[in-house]
Amino acid sequence: MATTTSITTNYAGQFASKYISAALLSADTLDKGLVEILPNVNFKTTLQKVNTDDIVKDATCDFTPTSTLTLTERVLTVEEFQVNLQLCRKDFLSTWQGAQMGYSVYDNLPADFSDFLIAHVAGKVAQKIETNIWQGVNATAGEFDGFQALLAADGDVVDVVGTSVTAANVITEMGKVVDAIPAALYGKEDLTIYVPQNVAKAYVRALGGFGASGLGASGIENKGTMWYGDQPLYFDGIRVAMVNGLASNKMVAAQSSNLFFGSGLASDRNEVKVLDMADLDGSDNIRVVMRFTAGVQHGVGSDIVYYA
């Protein structure tokens, strides 16, 4: 009788954390450290905000508590999500076997077939999380409210009316964002202008001399658009970060320490399973199951500029 090989694996524990982390933290925004990551959030966590008036007063001989301190809070709530996926073994087995024999151009394919499938699913999860972080809408299945929805609903956020950004106007439009940055925020070390792909492309093209911005016909070092090689971008001395999840023609200026992503990366709610269905229904199908939590929140709305 032929030997039946089962790859049924339950990673509901230490290994679950590893695989869930790989899925979530591979999102572009998180992978680059562009927001604060709060792990082990099972349901909610409170972000404390402290505001004071002018604390320096004229000296007297007495202790006179004349300053005003206001303590408010904002709650980051994570939501539970799941992945229920059925894959056919034969669609992936040849790729995995080829990698083990050294014929693959990929250096990081896992040696174990179940790990290989999880890595494939993790990449898909990361893409969805990246979109959710910025464009997510809680009313849509599989999504939580992203920064765009949260900032639009916060009356304290500094709003800038936007337009369709092109290489011809990108310098002007990004200048509007910088001009709106509060004085107390300007110059902070982690201040970042978050831009989507279309704004980043327009800005690079403008710097190459192909925008109506007086930058010269040949751009930086007379290299035209060839100058750019994925080096860091800056605008008026402020870091510019392209985030794939941000919608076109939108920009956000904020400290990275004022934007938060929460998840139960090491909590009991995380679960990863790979189920071989051969022994159950005779098929060549494999089911991949993931359960995890995720959510975002911002801290001080008045320290954020939202161009939309």
C-alpha atoms as a PDB file:
ATOM      1  CA  MET A   1       0.000   0.000   0.000  1.00  0.00           C
ATOM      2  CA  ALA A   2       1.337   3.405  -0.986  1.00  0.00           C
ATOM      3  CA  THR A   3       2.499   5.741   1.742  1.00  0.00           C
ATOM      4  CA  THR A   4       0.308   8.783   2.227  1.00  0.00           C
ATOM      5  CA  THR A   5       2.219  11.984   2.943  1.00  0.00           C
ATOM      6  CA  SER A   6       0.297  14.562   4.899  1.00  0.00           C
ATOM      7  CA  ILE A   7       1.442  18.187   5.260  1.00  0.00           C
ATOM      8  CA  THR A   8      -1.318  19.159   7.651  1.00  0.00           C
ATOM      9  CA  THR A   9       0.334  21.687   9.943  1.00  0.00           C
ATOM     10  CA  ASN A  10      -0.993  23.849  12.745  1.00  0.00           C
ATOM     11  CA  TYR A  11       1.062  26.951  13.485  1.00  0.00           C
ATOM     12  CA  ALA A  12      -1.276  28.247  16.216  1.00  0.00           C
ATOM     13  CA  GLY A  13       1.451  29.424  18.548  1.00  0.00           C
ATOM     14  CA  GLN A  14       5.008  30.686  18.195  1.00  0.00           C
ATOM     15  CA  PHE A  15       5.128  29.814  14.502  1.00  0.00           C
ATOM     16  CA  ALA A  16       1.769  31.484  13.915  1.00  0.00           C
ATOM     17  CA  SER A  17       3.303  34.726  15.079  1.00  0.00           C
ATOM     18  CA  LYS A  18       6.185  34.257  12.665  1.00  0.00           C
ATOM     19  CA  TYR A  19       3.984  33.685   9.653  1.00  0.00           C
ATOM     20  CA  ILE A  20       1.403  36.317  10.533  1.00  0.00           C
ATOM     21  CA  SER A  21       4.224  38.810  11.029  1.00  0.00           C
ATOM     22  CA  ALA A  22       5.647  37.896   7.636  1.00  0.00           C
ATOM     23  CA  ALA A  23       2.259  38.480   6.044  1.00  0.00           C
ATOM     24  CA  LEU A  24       1.389  41.758   7.740  1.00  0.00           C
ATOM     25  CA  LEU A  25       4.774  43.445   8.084  1.00  0.00           C
ATOM     26  CA  SER A  26       5.643  42.832   4.434  1.00  0.00           C
ATOM     27  CA  ALA A  27       3.167  45.558   3.548  1.00  0.00           C
ATOM     28  CA  ASP A  28       5.126  48.407   1.990  1.00  0.00           C
ATOM     29  CA  THR A  29       4.245  51.024   4.609  1.00  0.00           C
ATOM     30  CA  LEU A  30       5.121  48.706   7.498  1.00  0.00           C
ATOM     31  CA  ASP A  31       8.193  47.163   5.906  1.00  0.00           C
ATOM     32  CA  LYS A  32       9.777  50.613   5.504  1.00  0.00           C
ATOM     33  CA  GLY A  33       8.946  51.650   9.066  1.00  0.00           C
ATOM     34  CA  LEU A  34       6.807  54.573   7.910  1.00  0.00           C
ATOM     35  CA  VAL A  35       4.333  54.264  10.806  1.00  0.00           C
ATOM     36  CA  GLU A  36       4.522  53.145  14.424  1.00  0.00           C
ATOM     37  CA  ILE A  37       3.732  49.439  14.882  1.00  0.00           C
ATOM     38  CA  LEU A  38       1.873  48.435  18.054  1.00  0.00           C
ATOM     39  CA  PRO A  39       2.023  44.645  18.584  1.00  0.00           C
ATOM     40  CA  ASN A  40      -0.063  42.461  20.905  1.00  0.00           C
ATOM     41  CA  VAL A  41      -3.258  44.485  20.548  1.00  0.00           C
ATOM     42  CA  ASN A  42      -5.992  41.919  21.165  1.00  0.00           C
ATOM     43  CA  PHE A  43      -8.948  44.285  20.771  1.00  0.00           C
ATOM     44  CA  LYS A  44      -8.274  47.929  21.652  1.00  0.00           C
ATOM     45  CA  THR A  45      -5.425  50.120  22.788  1.00  0.00           C
ATOM     46  CA  THR A  46      -5.604  53.740  23.926  1.00  0.00           C
ATOM     47  CA  LEU A  47      -3.367  56.429  22.480  1.00  0.00           C
ATOM     48  CA  GLN A  48      -2.940  59.182  25.069  1.00  0.00           C
ATOM     49  CA  LYS A  49      -2.693  62.793  23.870  1.00  0.00           C
ATOM     50  CA  VAL A  50      -1.437  65.566  26.140  1.00  0.00           C
ATOM     51  CA  ASN A  51      -1.940  69.241  25.287  1.00  0.00           C
ATOM     52  CA  THR A  52      -0.740  72.181  27.378  1.00  0.00           C
ATOM     53  CA  ASP A  53      -0.862  75.938  27.054  1.00  0.00           C
ATOM     54  CA  ASP A  54       2.227  78.125  27.543  1.00  0.00           C
ATOM     55  CA  ILE A  55       3.924  76.534  30.526  1.00  0.00           C
ATOM     56  CA  VAL A  56       6.603  79.206  31.070  1.00  0.00           C
ATOM     57  CA  LYS A  57       5.349  81.969  33.372  1.00  0.00           C
ATOM     58  CA  ASP A  58       6.859  84.941  35.202  1.00  0.00           C
ATOM     59  CA  ALA A  59       8.639  83.854  38.373  1.00  0.00           C
ATOM     60  CA  THR A  60       7.113  84.431  41.826  1.00  0.00           C
ATOM     61  CA  CYS A  61       7.988  83.305  45.341  1.00  0.00           C
ATOM     62  CA  ASP A  62       5.004  80.969  45.390  1.00  0.00           C
ATOM     63  CA  PHE A  63       4.048  77.806  43.573  1.00  0.00           C
ATOM     64  CA  THR A  64       1.293  78.900  41.221  1.00  0.00           C
ATOM     65  CA  PRO A  65      -0.137  76.171  38.967  1.00  0.00           C
ATOM     66  CA  THR A  66      -1.415  78.479  36.262  1.00  0.00           C
ATOM     67  CA  SER A  67      -0.859  76.279  33.205  1.00  0.00           C
ATOM     68  CA  THR A  68      -3.605  74.202  31.637  1.00  0.00           C
ATOM     69  CA  LEU A  69      -3.079  70.534  30.807  1.00  0.00           C
ATOM     70  CA  THR A  70      -5.625  68.675  28.717  1.00  0.00           C
ATOM     71  CA  LEU A  71      -5.467  64.889  28.529  1.00  0.00           C
ATOM     72  CA  THR A  72      -7.465  63.272  25.766  1.00  0.00           C
ATOM     73  CA  GLU A  73      -7.313  59.888  24.140  1.00  0.00           C
ATOM     74  CA  ARG A  74      -7.852  58.170  20.832  1.00  0.00           C
ATOM     75  CA  VAL A  75      -8.653  54.470  20.589  1.00  0.00           C
ATOM     76  CA  LEU A  76      -7.076  52.078  18.091  1.00  0.00           C
ATOM     77  CA  THR A  77      -9.399  49.129  17.548  1.00  0.00           C
ATOM     78  CA  VAL A  78      -8.185  46.087  15.659  1.00  0.00           C
ATOM     79  CA  GLU A  79     -10.545  43.870  13.695  1.00  0.00           C
ATOM     80  CA  GLU A  80     -10.384  40.148  13.094  1.00  0.00           C
ATOM     81  CA  PHE A  81      -9.785  38.854   9.585  1.00  0.00           C
ATOM     82  CA  GLN A  82      -9.372  35.472   8.002  1.00  0.00           C
ATOM     83  CA  VAL A  83      -8.036  33.852   4.859  1.00  0.00           C
ATOM     84  CA  ASN A  84      -9.704  30.642   3.669  1.00  0.00           C
ATOM     85  CA  LEU A  85      -7.953  29.539   0.520  1.00  0.00           C
ATOM     86  CA  GLN A  86      -7.997  26.302  -1.452  1.00  0.00           C
ATOM     87  CA  LEU A  87      -5.066  25.607  -3.772  1.00  0.00           C
ATOM     88  CA  CYS A  88      -4.365  22.723  -6.090  1.00  0.00           C
ATOM     89  CA  ARG A  89      -1.093  21.033  -5.209  1.00  0.00           C
ATOM     90  CA  LYS A  90      -0.043  20.393  -8.795  1.00  0.00           C
ATOM     91  CA  ASP A  91      -0.218  24.106  -9.657  1.00  0.00           C
ATOM     92  CA  PHE A  92       2.598  24.826  -7.175  1.00  0.00           C
ATOM     93  CA  LEU A  93       4.505  21.559  -6.787  1.00  0.00           C
ATOM     94  CA  SER A  94       6.602  21.858  -9.947  1.00  0.00           C
ATOM     95  CA  THR A  95       7.723  25.372  -9.014  1.00  0.00           C
ATOM     96  CA  TRP A  96       8.655  24.262  -5.516  1.00  0.00           C
ATOM     97  CA  GLN A  97      10.517  21.166  -6.748  1.00  0.00           C
ATOM     98  CA  GLY A  98      12.403  23.219  -9.306  1.00  0.00           C
ATOM     99  CA  ALA A  99      13.536  25.566  -6.579  1.00  0.00           C
ATOM    100  CA  GLN A 100      14.852  22.685  -4.490  1.00  0.00           C
ATOM    101  CA  MET A 101      16.893  21.409  -7.457  1.00  0.00           C
ATOM    102  CA  GLY A 102      18.544  24.791  -7.910  1.00  0.00           C
ATOM    103  CA  TYR A 103      16.811  25.732 -11.156  1.00  0.00           C
ATOM    104  CA  SER A 104      14.934  28.721  -9.751  1.00  0.00           C
ATOM    105  CA  VAL A 105      15.988  32.349  -9.937  1.00  0.00           C
ATOM    106  CA  TYR A 106      14.449  32.856  -6.491  1.00  0.00           C
ATOM    107  CA  ASP A 107      16.800  32.461  -3.556  1.00  0.00           C
ATOM    108  CA  ASN A 108      14.264  32.650  -0.771  1.00  0.00           C
ATOM    109  CA  LEU A 109      11.693  29.989  -1.588  1.00  0.00           C
ATOM    110  CA  PRO A 110      11.110  27.882   1.555  1.00  0.00           C
ATOM    111  CA  ALA A 111      12.463  24.343   1.584  1.00  0.00           C
ATOM    112  CA  ASP A 112       9.235  22.945   3.037  1.00  0.00           C
ATOM    113  CA  PHE A 113       6.220  22.778   0.735  1.00  0.00           C
ATOM    114  CA  SER A 114       3.778  23.978   3.386  1.00  0.00           C
ATOM    115  CA  ASP A 115       6.041  26.978   4.105  1.00  0.00           C
ATOM    116  CA  PHE A 116       6.157  27.648   0.384  1.00  0.00           C
ATOM    117  CA  LEU A 117       2.362  27.845   0.187  1.00  0.00           C
ATOM    118  CA  ILE A 118       2.156  30.083   3.251  1.00  0.00           C
ATOM    119  CA  ALA A 119       4.766  32.413   1.749  1.00  0.00           C
ATOM    120  CA  HIS A 120       2.630  32.664  -1.394  1.00  0.00           C
ATOM    121  CA  VAL A 121      -0.474  33.526   0.627  1.00  0.00           C
ATOM    122  CA  ALA A 122       1.470  35.919   2.877  1.00  0.00           C
ATOM    123  CA  GLY A 123       2.419  38.010  -0.152  1.00  0.00           C
ATOM    124  CA  LYS A 124      -1.235  38.369  -1.090  1.00  0.00           C
ATOM    125  CA  VAL A 125      -2.169  39.311   2.467  1.00  0.00           C
ATOM    126  CA  ALA A 126       0.562  41.969   2.538  1.00  0.00           C
ATOM    127  CA  GLN A 127      -0.818  43.594  -0.615  1.00  0.00           C
ATOM    128  CA  LYS A 128      -4.292  43.798   0.903  1.00  0.00           C
ATOM    129  CA  ILE A 129      -3.010  45.145   4.227  1.00  0.00           C
ATOM    130  CA  GLU A 130      -1.056  47.878   2.429  1.00  0.00           C
ATOM    131  CA  THR A 131      -4.227  49.033   0.659  1.00  0.00           C
ATOM    132  CA  ASN A 132      -6.257  48.793   3.865  1.00  0.00           C
ATOM    133  CA  ILE A 133      -3.788  50.931   5.824  1.00  0.00           C
ATOM    134  CA  TRP A 134      -4.531  53.901   3.579  1.00  0.00           C
ATOM    135  CA  GLN A 135      -7.729  53.285   1.585  1.00  0.00           C
ATOM    136  CA  GLY A 136      -9.601  50.802   3.759  1.00  0.00           C
ATOM    137  CA  VAL A 137     -13.299  51.333   4.551  1.00  0.00           C
ATOM    138  CA  ASN A 138     -14.701  49.498   7.544  1.00  0.00           C
ATOM    139  CA  ALA A 139     -18.052  48.878   5.854  1.00  0.00           C
ATOM    140  CA  THR A 140     -16.322  46.824   3.158  1.00  0.00           C
ATOM    141  CA  ALA A 141     -15.722  43.153   3.923  1.00  0.00           C
ATOM    142  CA  GLY A 142     -12.081  42.362   4.611  1.00  0.00           C
ATOM    143  CA  GLU A 143     -11.189  45.988   5.374  1.00  0.00           C
ATOM    144  CA  PHE A 144     -10.729  48.325   8.333  1.00  0.00           C
ATOM    145  CA  ASP A 145     -10.905  52.117   8.238  1.00  0.00           C
ATOM    146  CA  GLY A 146      -7.636  53.340   6.739  1.00  0.00           C
ATOM    147  CA  PHE A 147      -5.923  56.663   7.258  1.00  0.00           C
ATOM    148  CA  GLN A 148      -7.795  58.337   4.395  1.00  0.00           C
ATOM    149  CA  ALA A 149     -11.165  57.641   6.032  1.00  0.00           C
ATOM    150  CA  LEU A 150      -9.916  58.549   9.519  1.00  0.00           C
ATOM    151  CA  LEU A 151      -8.251  61.806   8.474  1.00  0.00           C
ATOM    152  CA  ALA A 152     -11.221  62.906   6.378  1.00  0.00           C
ATOM    153  CA  ALA A 153     -13.491  62.448   9.393  1.00  0.00           C
ATOM    154  CA  ASP A 154     -11.239  64.312  11.853  1.00  0.00           C
ATOM    155  CA  GLY A 155     -12.055  68.024  12.026  1.00  0.00           C
ATOM    156  CA  ASP A 156      -8.682  68.789  13.623  1.00  0.00           C
ATOM    157  CA  VAL A 157      -6.714  67.614  10.584  1.00  0.00           C
ATOM    158  CA  VAL A 158      -5.360  70.394   8.357  1.00  0.00           C
ATOM    159  CA  ASP A 159      -7.129  69.926   5.022  1.00  0.00           C
ATOM    160  CA  VAL A 160      -5.694  71.015   1.687  1.00  0.00           C
ATOM    161  CA  VAL A 161      -7.869  70.960  -1.423  1.00  0.00           C
ATOM    162  CA  GLY A 162      -6.124  68.966  -4.124  1.00  0.00           C
ATOM    163  CA  THR A 163      -6.270  68.440  -7.854  1.00  0.00           C
ATOM    164  CA  SER A 164      -4.966  65.972 -10.440  1.00  0.00           C
ATOM    165  CA  VAL A 165      -1.201  65.973 -10.003  1.00  0.00           C
ATOM    166  CA  THR A 166       1.063  66.020 -13.058  1.00  0.00           C
ATOM    167  CA  ALA A 167       4.735  66.723 -13.717  1.00  0.00           C
ATOM    168  CA  ALA A 168       3.716  70.273 -14.647  1.00  0.00           C
ATOM    169  CA  ASN A 169       2.061  71.096 -11.302  1.00  0.00           C
ATOM    170  CA  VAL A 170       3.549  68.645  -8.794  1.00  0.00           C
ATOM    171  CA  ILE A 171       6.004  71.189  -7.345  1.00  0.00           C
ATOM    172  CA  THR A 172       3.177  73.648  -6.748  1.00  0.00           C
ATOM    173  CA  GLU A 173       0.874  71.040  -5.239  1.00  0.00           C
ATOM    174  CA  MET A 174       3.513  69.572  -2.930  1.00  0.00           C
ATOM    175  CA  GLY A 175       4.342  73.147  -1.942  1.00  0.00           C
ATOM    176  CA  LYS A 176       0.742  73.580  -0.775  1.00  0.00           C
ATOM    177  CA  VAL A 177       1.215  70.635   1.577  1.00  0.00           C
ATOM    178  CA  VAL A 178       4.438  72.056   3.014  1.00  0.00           C
ATOM    179  CA  ASP A 179       2.892  75.519   3.417  1.00  0.00           C
ATOM    180  CA  ALA A 180       0.073  73.985   5.464  1.00  0.00           C
ATOM    181  CA  ILE A 181       2.367  72.158   7.890  1.00  0.00           C
ATOM    182  CA  PRO A 182       1.974  73.696  11.390  1.00  0.00           C
ATOM    183  CA  ALA A 183       4.990  75.624  12.665  1.00  0.00           C
ATOM    184  CA  ALA A 184       5.395  73.298  15.643  1.00  0.00           C
ATOM    185  CA  LEU A 185       5.614  70.322  13.312  1.00  0.00           C
ATOM    186  CA  TYR A 186       7.944  71.716  10.662  1.00  0.00           C
ATOM    187  CA  GLY A 187      11.518  70.561  11.166  1.00  0.00           C
ATOM    188  CA  LYS A 188      10.672  67.426  13.174  1.00  0.00           C
ATOM    189  CA  GLU A 189      13.067  64.582  12.412  1.00  0.00           C
ATOM    190  CA  ASP A 190      10.429  62.037  11.421  1.00  0.00           C
ATOM    191  CA  LEU A 191       8.220  64.453   9.475  1.00  0.00           C
ATOM    192  CA  THR A 192       7.270  62.733   6.219  1.00  0.00           C
ATOM    193  CA  ILE A 193       5.243  63.573   3.129  1.00  0.00           C
ATOM    194  CA  TYR A 194       3.432  60.384   2.098  1.00  0.00           C
ATOM    195  CA  VAL A 195       2.618  60.252  -1.611  1.00  0.00           C
ATOM    196  CA  PRO A 196       1.027  57.687  -3.944  1.00  0.00           C
ATOM    197  CA  GLN A 197       2.656  56.310  -7.070  1.00  0.00           C
ATOM    198  CA  ASN A 198       1.275  58.920  -9.465  1.00  0.00           C
ATOM    199  CA  VAL A 199       2.631  61.826  -7.372  1.00  0.00           C
ATOM    200  CA  ALA A 200       6.016  60.140  -6.937  1.00  0.00           C
ATOM    201  CA  LYS A 201       6.277  59.573 -10.687  1.00  0.00           C
ATOM    202  CA  ALA A 202       5.322  63.170 -11.420  1.00  0.00           C
ATOM    203  CA  TYR A 203       7.848  64.486  -8.908  1.00  0.00           C
ATOM    204  CA  VAL A 204      10.705  62.387 -10.316  1.00  0.00           C
ATOM    205  CA  ARG A 205       9.842  63.529 -13.832  1.00  0.00           C
ATOM    206  CA  ALA A 206       9.726  67.155 -12.721  1.00  0.00           C
ATOM    207  CA  LEU A 207      13.127  66.812 -11.067  1.00  0.00           C
ATOM    208  CA  GLY A 208      14.395  65.376 -14.331  1.00  0.00           C
ATOM    209  CA  GLY A 209      13.553  68.656 -16.017  1.00  0.00           C
ATOM    210  CA  PHE A 210      10.325  67.594 -17.660  1.00  0.00           C
ATOM    211  CA  GLY A 211       7.961  69.723 -15.601  1.00  0.00           C
ATOM    212  CA  ALA A 212       7.026  73.357 -15.986  1.00  0.00           C
ATOM    213  CA  SER A 213       8.742  74.259 -12.740  1.00  0.00           C
ATOM    214  CA  GLY A 214      11.865  76.087 -13.852  1.00  0.00           C
ATOM    215  CA  LEU A 215      14.084  73.106 -13.068  1.00  0.00           C
ATOM    216  CA  GLY A 216      15.980  73.160 -16.339  1.00  0.00           C
ATOM    217  CA  ALA A 217      15.460  71.065 -19.438  1.00  0.00           C
ATOM    218  CA  SER A 218      17.991  68.425 -18.433  1.00  0.00           C
ATOM    219  CA  GLY A 219      17.198  68.081 -14.753  1.00  0.00           C
ATOM    220  CA  ILE A 220      19.576  67.121 -11.966  1.00  0.00           C
ATOM    221  CA  GLU A 221      23.214  66.917 -13.085  1.00  0.00           C
ATOM    222  CA  ASN A 222      21.965  67.230 -16.681  1.00  0.00           C
ATOM    223  CA  LYS A 223      20.882  63.572 -16.590  1.00  0.00           C
ATOM    224  CA  GLY A 224      17.185  64.071 -17.315  1.00  0.00           C
ATOM    225  CA  THR A 225      14.979  61.333 -15.891  1.00  0.00           C
ATOM    226  CA  MET A 226      17.998  59.003 -15.817  1.00  0.00           C
ATOM    227  CA  TRP A 227      19.232  60.610 -12.587  1.00  0.00           C
ATOM    228  CA  TYR A 228      16.812  58.708 -10.356  1.00  0.00           C
ATOM    229  CA  GLY A 229      17.993  55.336  -9.057  1.00  0.00           C
ATOM    230  CA  ASP A 230      15.640  54.680  -6.167  1.00  0.00           C
ATOM    231  CA  GLN A 231      17.534  57.012  -3.864  1.00  0.00           C
ATOM    232  CA  PRO A 232      15.599  58.805  -1.090  1.00  0.00           C
ATOM    233  CA  LEU A 233      13.388  61.683  -2.211  1.00  0.00           C
ATOM    234  CA  TYR A 234      13.075  64.993  -0.370  1.00  0.00           C
ATOM    235  CA  PHE A 235      10.970  68.092  -0.909  1.00  0.00           C
ATOM    236  CA  ASP A 236      12.008  71.333   0.764  1.00  0.00           C
ATOM    237  CA  GLY A 237      14.188  69.231   3.063  1.00  0.00           C
ATOM    238  CA  ILE A 238      11.310  66.938   4.094  1.00  0.00           C
ATOM    239  CA  ARG A 239      11.437  63.209   3.437  1.00  0.00           C
ATOM    240  CA  VAL A 240       9.075  62.016   0.701  1.00  0.00           C
ATOM    241  CA  ALA A 241       7.860  58.428   0.996  1.00  0.00           C
ATOM    242  CA  MET A 242       5.946  56.656  -1.762  1.00  0.00           C
ATOM    243  CA  VAL A 243       3.332  54.322  -0.285  1.00  0.00           C
ATOM    244  CA  ASN A 244       1.560  52.010  -2.693  1.00  0.00           C
ATOM    245  CA  GLY A 245      -1.633  51.921  -0.637  1.00  0.00           C
ATOM    246  CA  LEU A 246      -2.344  55.655  -0.849  1.00  0.00           C
ATOM    247  CA  ALA A 247      -4.910  56.618  -3.496  1.00  0.00           C
ATOM    248  CA  SER A 248      -3.883  58.703  -6.500  1.00  0.00           C
ATOM    249  CA  ASN A 249      -3.760  62.499  -6.095  1.00  0.00           C
ATOM    250  CA  LYS A 250      -3.719  62.362  -2.308  1.00  0.00           C
ATOM    251  CA  MET A 251      -0.894  63.288   0.067  1.00  0.00           C
ATOM    252  CA  VAL A 252      -0.377  63.179   3.809  1.00  0.00           C
ATOM    253  CA  ALA A 253       2.216  65.121   5.798  1.00  0.00           C
ATOM    254  CA  ALA A 254       2.748  63.776   9.302  1.00  0.00           C
ATOM    255  CA  GLN A 255       5.299  62.477  11.739  1.00  0.00           C
ATOM    256  CA  SER A 256       5.685  58.737  11.368  1.00  0.00           C
ATOM    257  CA  SER A 257       5.381  58.588  15.165  1.00  0.00           C
ATOM    258  CA  ASN A 258       1.864  60.067  14.880  1.00  0.00           C
ATOM    259  CA  LEU A 259       0.506  57.248  12.691  1.00  0.00           C
ATOM    260  CA  PHE A 260      -0.113  53.830  14.233  1.00  0.00           C
ATOM    261  CA  PHE A 261      -0.719  50.279  13.028  1.00  0.00           C
ATOM    262  CA  GLY A 262      -1.947  47.758  15.563  1.00  0.00           C
ATOM    263  CA  SER A 263      -2.130  43.985  15.371  1.00  0.00           C
ATOM    264  CA  GLY A 264      -2.035  40.958  17.636  1.00  0.00           C
ATOM    265  CA  LEU A 265       1.197  39.768  16.051  1.00  0.00           C
ATOM    266  CA  ALA A 266       1.998  37.491  18.987  1.00  0.00           C
ATOM    267  CA  SER A 267      -1.483  36.997  20.407  1.00  0.00           C
ATOM    268  CA  ASP A 268      -3.585  33.863  20.725  1.00  0.00           C
ATOM    269  CA  ARG A 269      -5.888  35.131  17.990  1.00  0.00           C
ATOM    270  CA  ASN A 270      -3.273  34.358  15.342  1.00  0.00           C
ATOM    271  CA  GLU A 271      -3.593  31.044  13.568  1.00  0.00           C
ATOM    272  CA  VAL A 272      -2.062  29.524  10.464  1.00  0.00           C
ATOM    273  CA  LYS A 273      -2.999  26.095   9.129  1.00  0.00           C
ATOM    274  CA  VAL A 274      -2.153  24.101   6.020  1.00  0.00           C
ATOM    275  CA  LEU A 275      -4.605  21.255   5.475  1.00  0.00           C
ATOM    276  CA  ASP A 276      -3.955  18.441   2.992  1.00  0.00           C
ATOM    277  CA  MET A 277      -7.365  17.315   1.720  1.00  0.00           C
ATOM    278  CA  ALA A 278      -6.126  14.080   0.095  1.00  0.00           C
ATOM    279  CA  ASP A 279      -7.028  11.916   3.101  1.00  0.00           C
ATOM    280  CA  LEU A 280     -10.437  13.564   3.481  1.00  0.00           C
ATOM    281  CA  ASP A 281     -11.902  13.705  -0.023  1.00  0.00           C
ATOM    282  CA  GLY A 282      -9.251  12.136  -2.273  1.00  0.00           C
ATOM    283  CA  SER A 283      -8.548  15.448  -3.996  1.00  0.00           C
ATOM    284  CA  ASP A 284      -5.211  17.101  -4.692  1.00  0.00           C
ATOM    285  CA  ASN A 285      -6.326  20.270  -2.915  1.00  0.00           C
ATOM    286  CA  ILE A 286      -4.625  21.995  -0.032  1.00  0.00           C
ATOM    287  CA  ARG A 287      -6.387  24.512   2.169  1.00  0.00           C
ATOM    288  CA  VAL A 288      -4.583  27.428   3.775  1.00  0.00           C
ATOM    289  CA  VAL A 289      -6.226  29.092   6.768  1.00  0.00           C
ATOM    290  CA  MET A 290      -5.090  32.322   8.411  1.00  0.00           C
ATOM    291  CA  ARG A 291      -6.671  34.363  11.196  1.00  0.00           C
ATOM    292  CA  PHE A 292      -5.268  37.689  12.366  1.00  0.00           C
ATOM    293  CA  THR A 293      -6.158  41.162  13.622  1.00  0.00           C
ATOM    294  CA  ALA A 294      -5.232  44.574  12.225  1.00  0.00           C
ATOM    295  CA  GLY A 295      -6.192  48.246  12.414  1.00  0.00           C
ATOM    296  CA  VAL A 296      -4.773  51.783  12.196  1.00  0.00           C
ATOM    297  CA  GLN A 297      -5.233  55.082  14.023  1.00  0.00           C
ATOM    298  CA  HIS A 298      -3.632  58.505  14.111  1.00  0.00           C
ATOM    299  CA  GLY A 299      -2.683  60.468  17.203  1.00  0.00           C
ATOM    300  CA  VAL A 300      -2.899  64.274  17.087  1.00  0.00           C
ATOM    301  CA  GLY A 301      -5.057  65.339  14.147  1.00  0.00           C
ATOM    302  CA  SER A 302      -3.920  68.963  14.214  1.00  0.00           C
ATOM    303  CA  ASP A 303      -0.368  67.766  13.471  1.00  0.00           C
ATOM    304  CA  ILE A 304      -1.395  66.144  10.190  1.00  0.00           C
ATOM    305  CA  VAL A 305      -1.910  67.705   6.748  1.00  0.00           C
ATOM    306  CA  TYR A 306      -4.258  65.844   4.393  1.00  0.00           C
ATOM    307  CA  TYR A 307      -4.208  66.780   0.707  1.00  0.00           C
ATOM    308  CA  ALA A 308      -7.286  65.370  -1.010  1.00  0.00           C
END
